[in-house]
Amino acid sequence: MVEIVVKDGYYYASDKPGFGIDIDPKLAAKFPITDDPPFDMSWGTLRRRDGTIVKP
């Protein structure tokens, strides 16, 4: 795990790989990702002709 360095109120980037977070696979399995409603990337079902966002 990457250590977060805070100095004088600023976060400093690390040269180590990763985001510095760990994920517990057993806990994550309790919260599966659902695609409801399905996201089909179809502009016509996501926005009106004037660009207003609508609920699909």
N, C-alpha and C. Protein backbone atom coordinates (compact mmCIF):
# COMPACT_ATOMS: atom_id res chain seq x y z
N MET A 1 0.84 -1.17 0.00
CA MET A 1 0.00 0.00 0.00
C MET A 1 0.89 1.24 0.00
N VAL A 2 0.49 2.24 -0.75
CA VAL A 2 1.25 3.47 -0.86
C VAL A 2 0.93 4.38 0.32
N GLU A 3 1.94 4.92 0.90
CA GLU A 3 1.75 5.82 2.04
C GLU A 3 1.46 7.23 1.52
N ILE A 4 0.43 7.86 2.07
CA ILE A 4 0.08 9.24 1.70
C ILE A 4 0.93 10.19 2.53
N VAL A 5 1.55 11.13 1.85
CA VAL A 5 2.40 12.10 2.53
C VAL A 5 1.70 13.45 2.52
N VAL A 6 1.48 14.02 3.70
CA VAL A 6 0.89 15.34 3.84
C VAL A 6 1.92 16.23 4.52
N LYS A 7 2.23 17.35 3.85
CA LYS A 7 3.20 18.28 4.40
C LYS A 7 2.72 19.70 4.16
N ASP A 8 2.63 20.48 5.22
CA ASP A 8 2.16 21.86 5.15
C ASP A 8 0.78 21.98 4.51
N GLY A 9 -0.08 20.98 4.77
CA GLY A 9 -1.45 21.03 4.24
C GLY A 9 -1.61 20.56 2.82
N TYR A 10 -0.56 20.00 2.20
CA TYR A 10 -0.63 19.52 0.82
C TYR A 10 -0.38 18.02 0.78
N TYR A 11 -1.08 17.33 -0.14
CA TYR A 11 -0.80 15.94 -0.42
C TYR A 11 0.31 15.87 -1.45
N TYR A 12 1.27 15.00 -1.23
CA TYR A 12 2.37 14.85 -2.17
C TYR A 12 2.27 13.51 -2.88
N ALA A 13 2.50 13.54 -4.19
CA ALA A 13 2.44 12.32 -5.00
C ALA A 13 3.60 11.41 -4.65
N SER A 14 3.33 10.14 -4.76
CA SER A 14 4.36 9.13 -4.49
C SER A 14 4.87 8.60 -5.82
N ASP A 15 6.10 8.14 -5.83
CA ASP A 15 6.63 7.54 -7.05
C ASP A 15 6.36 6.04 -7.09
N LYS A 16 5.64 5.53 -6.10
CA LYS A 16 5.29 4.12 -6.06
C LYS A 16 4.03 3.88 -6.89
N PRO A 17 3.87 2.68 -7.46
CA PRO A 17 2.67 2.40 -8.26
C PRO A 17 1.43 2.23 -7.38
N GLY A 18 0.28 2.51 -7.97
CA GLY A 18 -0.99 2.30 -7.29
C GLY A 18 -1.60 3.58 -6.77
N PHE A 19 -2.84 3.45 -6.29
CA PHE A 19 -3.58 4.59 -5.76
C PHE A 19 -3.51 4.67 -4.25
N GLY A 20 -2.96 3.67 -3.61
CA GLY A 20 -2.86 3.69 -2.16
C GLY A 20 -4.10 3.21 -1.45
N ILE A 21 -4.92 2.39 -2.12
CA ILE A 21 -6.11 1.84 -1.49
C ILE A 21 -6.08 0.32 -1.60
N ASP A 22 -6.69 -0.32 -0.66
CA ASP A 22 -6.83 -1.77 -0.69
C ASP A 22 -8.31 -2.10 -0.76
N ILE A 23 -8.65 -3.12 -1.52
CA ILE A 23 -10.04 -3.55 -1.66
C ILE A 23 -10.17 -4.94 -1.06
N ASP A 24 -11.17 -5.09 -0.20
CA ASP A 24 -11.46 -6.39 0.40
C ASP A 24 -12.43 -7.12 -0.53
N PRO A 25 -11.99 -8.15 -1.26
CA PRO A 25 -12.85 -8.81 -2.23
C PRO A 25 -14.11 -9.44 -1.63
N LYS A 26 -14.01 -9.95 -0.41
CA LYS A 26 -15.18 -10.55 0.22
C LYS A 26 -16.24 -9.49 0.53
N LEU A 27 -15.81 -8.33 1.01
CA LEU A 27 -16.75 -7.26 1.30
C LEU A 27 -17.32 -6.68 0.00
N ALA A 28 -16.48 -6.52 -1.01
CA ALA A 28 -16.93 -5.98 -2.30
C ALA A 28 -17.96 -6.90 -2.95
N ALA A 29 -17.84 -8.21 -2.75
CA ALA A 29 -18.78 -9.16 -3.33
C ALA A 29 -20.19 -8.98 -2.78
N LYS A 30 -20.32 -8.37 -1.61
CA LYS A 30 -21.64 -8.13 -1.02
C LYS A 30 -22.38 -6.98 -1.71
N PHE A 31 -21.68 -6.20 -2.52
CA PHE A 31 -22.26 -5.03 -3.17
C PHE A 31 -21.99 -5.09 -4.68
N PRO A 32 -22.65 -6.04 -5.38
CA PRO A 32 -22.39 -6.18 -6.82
C PRO A 32 -22.89 -4.96 -7.60
N ILE A 33 -22.22 -4.68 -8.70
CA ILE A 33 -22.63 -3.58 -9.57
C ILE A 33 -23.78 -4.06 -10.43
N THR A 34 -24.86 -3.30 -10.42
CA THR A 34 -26.01 -3.64 -11.26
C THR A 34 -26.16 -2.58 -12.34
N ASP A 35 -26.62 -2.97 -13.48
CA ASP A 35 -26.81 -2.07 -14.60
C ASP A 35 -28.31 -1.88 -14.80
N ASP A 36 -28.93 -1.12 -13.91
CA ASP A 36 -30.37 -0.94 -13.95
C ASP A 36 -30.71 0.53 -13.79
N PRO A 37 -31.19 1.22 -14.75
CA PRO A 37 -31.47 0.75 -16.11
C PRO A 37 -30.17 0.59 -16.88
N PRO A 38 -30.20 -0.19 -17.96
CA PRO A 38 -28.97 -0.40 -18.72
C PRO A 38 -28.47 0.89 -19.36
N PHE A 39 -27.18 1.09 -19.32
CA PHE A 39 -26.56 2.27 -19.91
C PHE A 39 -26.06 1.88 -21.29
N ASP A 40 -26.76 2.33 -22.32
CA ASP A 40 -26.44 1.88 -23.67
C ASP A 40 -25.71 2.93 -24.51
N MET A 41 -25.33 4.06 -23.92
CA MET A 41 -24.59 5.11 -24.61
C MET A 41 -25.37 5.69 -25.80
N SER A 42 -26.66 5.57 -25.77
CA SER A 42 -27.50 6.10 -26.85
C SER A 42 -27.89 7.52 -26.48
N TRP A 43 -27.43 8.49 -27.25
CA TRP A 43 -27.68 9.89 -26.96
C TRP A 43 -29.18 10.19 -26.86
N GLY A 44 -29.98 9.57 -27.72
CA GLY A 44 -31.41 9.85 -27.76
C GLY A 44 -32.15 9.46 -26.50
N THR A 45 -31.65 8.47 -25.75
CA THR A 45 -32.35 8.07 -24.53
C THR A 45 -31.82 8.79 -23.30
N LEU A 46 -30.71 9.54 -23.44
CA LEU A 46 -30.12 10.21 -22.29
C LEU A 46 -30.37 11.72 -22.28
N ARG A 47 -30.61 12.30 -23.46
CA ARG A 47 -30.80 13.74 -23.54
C ARG A 47 -31.90 14.10 -24.53
N ARG A 48 -32.53 15.22 -24.26
CA ARG A 48 -33.52 15.73 -25.21
C ARG A 48 -32.80 16.45 -26.34
N ARG A 49 -33.54 16.87 -27.33
CA ARG A 49 -32.94 17.52 -28.49
C ARG A 49 -32.18 18.78 -28.11
N ASP A 50 -32.63 19.47 -27.04
CA ASP A 50 -31.94 20.69 -26.61
C ASP A 50 -30.74 20.40 -25.69
N GLY A 51 -30.47 19.12 -25.41
CA GLY A 51 -29.34 18.75 -24.58
C GLY A 51 -29.67 18.50 -23.13
N THR A 52 -30.93 18.72 -22.73
CA THR A 52 -31.34 18.50 -21.35
C THR A 52 -31.23 17.02 -20.99
N ILE A 53 -30.63 16.74 -19.83
CA ILE A 53 -30.49 15.36 -19.38
C ILE A 53 -31.84 14.83 -18.92
N VAL A 54 -32.18 13.62 -19.32
CA VAL A 54 -33.43 12.97 -18.92
C VAL A 54 -33.11 11.61 -18.32
N LYS A 55 -33.99 11.15 -17.45
CA LYS A 55 -33.82 9.83 -16.86
C LYS A 55 -34.26 8.79 -17.88
N PRO A 56 -33.40 7.84 -18.20
CA PRO A 56 -33.77 6.83 -19.21
C PRO A 56 -34.88 5.93 -18.73
